[in-house]
C-alpha atoms as a PDB file:
ATOM      1  CA  MET A   1      -1.742  33.224  -7.804  1.00  0.00           C
ATOM      2  CA  ALA A   2      -2.107  33.221  -4.060  1.00  0.00           C
ATOM      3  CA  LEU A   3      -2.748  30.196  -1.898  1.00  0.00           C
ATOM      4  CA  ILE A   4      -6.475  29.737  -1.264  1.00  0.00           C
ATOM      5  CA  ASN A   5      -8.354  27.439   1.106  1.00  0.00           C
ATOM      6  CA  LEU A   6      -9.280  24.151  -0.609  1.00  0.00           C
ATOM      7  CA  ASP A   7     -13.017  24.405   0.182  1.00  0.00           C
ATOM      8  CA  ALA A   8     -13.210  27.965  -1.121  1.00  0.00           C
ATOM      9  CA  VAL A   9     -11.341  26.943  -4.286  1.00  0.00           C
ATOM     10  CA  PHE A  10     -13.926  24.282  -5.081  1.00  0.00           C
ATOM     11  CA  GLN A  11     -16.797  26.779  -4.864  1.00  0.00           C
ATOM     12  CA  GLU A  12     -14.879  29.474  -6.771  1.00  0.00           C
ATOM     13  CA  CYS A  13     -13.953  27.013  -9.525  1.00  0.00           C
ATOM     14  CA  LEU A  14     -17.565  25.911 -10.042  1.00  0.00           C
ATOM     15  CA  ARG A  15     -18.842  29.505  -9.973  1.00  0.00           C
ATOM     16  CA  TYR A  16     -16.280  30.566 -12.589  1.00  0.00           C
ATOM     17  CA  MET A  17     -16.898  27.550 -14.839  1.00  0.00           C
ATOM     18  CA  ARG A  18     -20.647  28.348 -15.069  1.00  0.00           C
ATOM     19  CA  THR A  19     -19.940  31.699 -16.731  1.00  0.00           C
ATOM     20  CA  CYS A  20     -16.552  31.367 -18.444  1.00  0.00           C
ATOM     21  CA  PRO A  21     -16.273  31.555 -22.253  1.00  0.00           C
ATOM     22  CA  ALA A  22     -15.242  28.570 -24.367  1.00  0.00           C
ATOM     23  CA  ASN A  23     -11.543  27.553 -24.325  1.00  0.00           C
ATOM     24  CA  SER A  24     -10.884  29.165 -20.959  1.00  0.00           C
ATOM     25  CA  GLY A  25     -10.862  27.754 -17.465  1.00  0.00           C
ATOM     26  CA  VAL A  26      -8.981  27.303 -14.222  1.00  0.00           C
ATOM     27  CA  GLU A  27      -5.902  25.421 -13.099  1.00  0.00           C
ATOM     28  CA  LEU A  28      -5.454  24.221  -9.533  1.00  0.00           C
ATOM     29  CA  MET A  29      -1.893  23.570  -8.372  1.00  0.00           C
ATOM     30  CA  SER A  30      -0.366  22.199  -5.202  1.00  0.00           C
ATOM     31  CA  TYR A  31       1.959  24.395  -3.151  1.00  0.00           C
ATOM     32  CA  LYS A  32       5.000  22.852  -4.852  1.00  0.00           C
ATOM     33  CA  ARG A  33       3.319  23.111  -8.286  1.00  0.00           C
ATOM     34  CA  ASN A  34       4.079  19.456  -9.042  1.00  0.00           C
ATOM     35  CA  ARG A  35       0.428  18.288  -9.138  1.00  0.00           C
ATOM     36  CA  THR A  36      -2.265  20.076 -11.122  1.00  0.00           C
ATOM     37  CA  ILE A  37      -5.919  19.824 -12.040  1.00  0.00           C
ATOM     38  CA  ALA A  38      -7.115  21.886 -15.010  1.00  0.00           C
ATOM     39  CA  VAL A  39     -10.742  22.438 -15.990  1.00  0.00           C
ATOM     40  CA  THR A  40     -11.353  23.813 -19.495  1.00  0.00           C
ATOM     41  CA  SER A  41     -14.717  24.889 -20.882  1.00  0.00           C
ATOM     42  CA  LEU A  42     -15.643  23.647 -24.355  1.00  0.00           C
ATOM     43  CA  GLY A  43     -18.893  25.616 -24.463  1.00  0.00           C
ATOM     44  CA  ASN A  44     -22.484  24.295 -24.332  1.00  0.00           C
ATOM     45  CA  ASP A  45     -22.105  22.871 -20.792  1.00  0.00           C
ATOM     46  CA  THR A  46     -19.181  20.558 -21.641  1.00  0.00           C
ATOM     47  CA  PHE A  47     -15.843  20.604 -19.834  1.00  0.00           C
ATOM     48  CA  ILE A  48     -12.481  18.846 -19.931  1.00  0.00           C
ATOM     49  CA  LEU A  49     -10.921  17.777 -16.625  1.00  0.00           C
ATOM     50  CA  LEU A  50      -7.168  17.235 -16.926  1.00  0.00           C
ATOM     51  CA  GLU A  51      -5.206  15.688 -14.044  1.00  0.00           C
ATOM     52  CA  THR A  52      -1.421  15.749 -13.844  1.00  0.00           C
ATOM     53  CA  GLY A  53       0.122  14.327 -10.703  1.00  0.00           C
ATOM     54  CA  TYR A  54      -0.544  11.021  -8.987  1.00  0.00           C
ATOM     55  CA  ILE A  55      -2.816  10.081 -11.882  1.00  0.00           C
ATOM     56  CA  GLU A  56      -2.414  11.354 -15.439  1.00  0.00           C
ATOM     57  CA  GLY A  57      -5.756  11.566 -17.189  1.00  0.00           C
ATOM     58  CA  GLU A  58      -8.236  13.582 -19.183  1.00  0.00           C
ATOM     59  CA  SER A  59     -12.016  13.292 -19.259  1.00  0.00           C
ATOM     60  CA  GLU A  60     -14.847  15.150 -20.966  1.00  0.00           C
ATOM     61  CA  LEU A  61     -17.774  15.872 -18.665  1.00  0.00           C
ATOM     62  CA  ALA A  62     -21.086  17.715 -18.388  1.00  0.00           C
ATOM     63  CA  PHE A  63     -21.424  20.295 -15.593  1.00  0.00           C
ATOM     64  CA  ASN A  64     -23.300  18.005 -13.179  1.00  0.00           C
ATOM     65  CA  GLU A  65     -20.634  15.288 -13.628  1.00  0.00           C
ATOM     66  CA  LEU A  66     -17.876  17.902 -13.278  1.00  0.00           C
ATOM     67  CA  GLN A  67     -18.857  18.716  -9.693  1.00  0.00           C
ATOM     68  CA  LYS A  68     -18.554  15.100  -8.595  1.00  0.00           C
ATOM     69  CA  GLU A  69     -15.356  14.324 -10.531  1.00  0.00           C
ATOM     70  CA  LEU A  70     -13.635  17.564  -9.511  1.00  0.00           C
ATOM     71  CA  LYS A  71     -14.214  16.811  -5.840  1.00  0.00           C
ATOM     72  CA  LYS A  72     -12.785  13.274  -6.315  1.00  0.00           C
ATOM     73  CA  ALA A  73      -9.780  14.614  -8.224  1.00  0.00           C
ATOM     74  CA  MET A  74      -9.070  17.229  -5.555  1.00  0.00           C
ATOM     75  CA  LYS A  75      -9.078  14.564  -2.838  1.00  0.00           C
ATOM     76  CA  ARG A  76      -6.809  12.358  -4.949  1.00  0.00           C
ATOM     77  CA  GLU A  77      -4.298  15.035  -6.023  1.00  0.00           C
ATOM     78  CA  PHE A  78      -4.301  17.175  -2.855  1.00  0.00           C
ATOM     79  CA  PRO A  79      -4.948  14.627  -0.059  1.00  0.00           C
ATOM     80  CA  ARG A  80      -3.323  16.509   2.827  1.00  0.00           C
ATOM     81  CA  SER A  81      -3.343  20.023   1.410  1.00  0.00           C
ATOM     82  CA  ARG A  82      -5.451  22.733   2.976  1.00  0.00           C
ATOM     83  CA  LYS A  83      -4.441  25.435   0.510  1.00  0.00           C
ATOM     84  CA  VAL A  84      -3.898  25.313  -3.265  1.00  0.00           C
ATOM     85  CA  ARG A  85      -3.075  27.778  -6.030  1.00  0.00           C
ATOM     86  CA  LEU A  86      -5.858  28.897  -8.389  1.00  0.00           C
ATOM     87  CA  VAL A  87      -4.897  30.254 -11.822  1.00  0.00           C
ATOM     88  CA  LYS A  88      -7.443  31.365 -14.433  1.00  0.00           C
ATOM     89  CA  PHE A  89      -6.428  31.046 -18.092  1.00  0.00           C
ATOM     90  CA  ASP A  90      -7.856  32.214 -21.418  1.00  0.00           C
ATOM     91  CA  ASP A  91      -6.138  29.726 -23.736  1.00  0.00           C
ATOM     92  CA  PRO A  92      -5.554  25.982 -23.152  1.00  0.00           C
ATOM     93  CA  ALA A  93      -2.043  26.400 -24.616  1.00  0.00           C
ATOM     94  CA  GLN A  94      -1.090  28.137 -21.355  1.00  0.00           C
ATOM     95  CA  LEU A  95      -1.355  24.760 -19.596  1.00  0.00           C
ATOM     96  CA  THR A  96       1.777  23.478 -21.339  1.00  0.00           C
ATOM     97  CA  ARG A  97       4.040  26.112 -19.781  1.00  0.00           C
ATOM     98  CA  LEU A  98       6.685  25.045 -17.302  1.00  0.00           C
ATOM     99  CA  HIS A  99       5.797  25.659 -13.677  1.00  0.00           C
ATOM    100  CA  GLN A 100       8.478  26.867 -11.308  1.00  0.00           C
ATOM    101  CA  LYS A 101       8.969  24.013  -8.840  1.00  0.00           C
ATOM    102  CA  ILE A 102       9.467  24.866  -5.186  1.00  0.00           C
END
């Protein structure tokens, strides 16, 4: 869970989401871990985008919509950040864990 450049995270997230199995995905967190964006694969080219931070929301998207909405969400949740944390998960239940705040 190292800090990764924001532009590289976007490309890595999309590359992973193309090949990940159902009910797995990635979680992007700010440095302080108080704002997150989680992308979960539902299988057959459908994904759930979950935002927790400035805006609380969940949306179900196809892959081509995911690219556009993920970029918007990253600008909204990490407006001045250059580096974010990238965590891959295998079970959506892992998203409910408590994050250590810095």
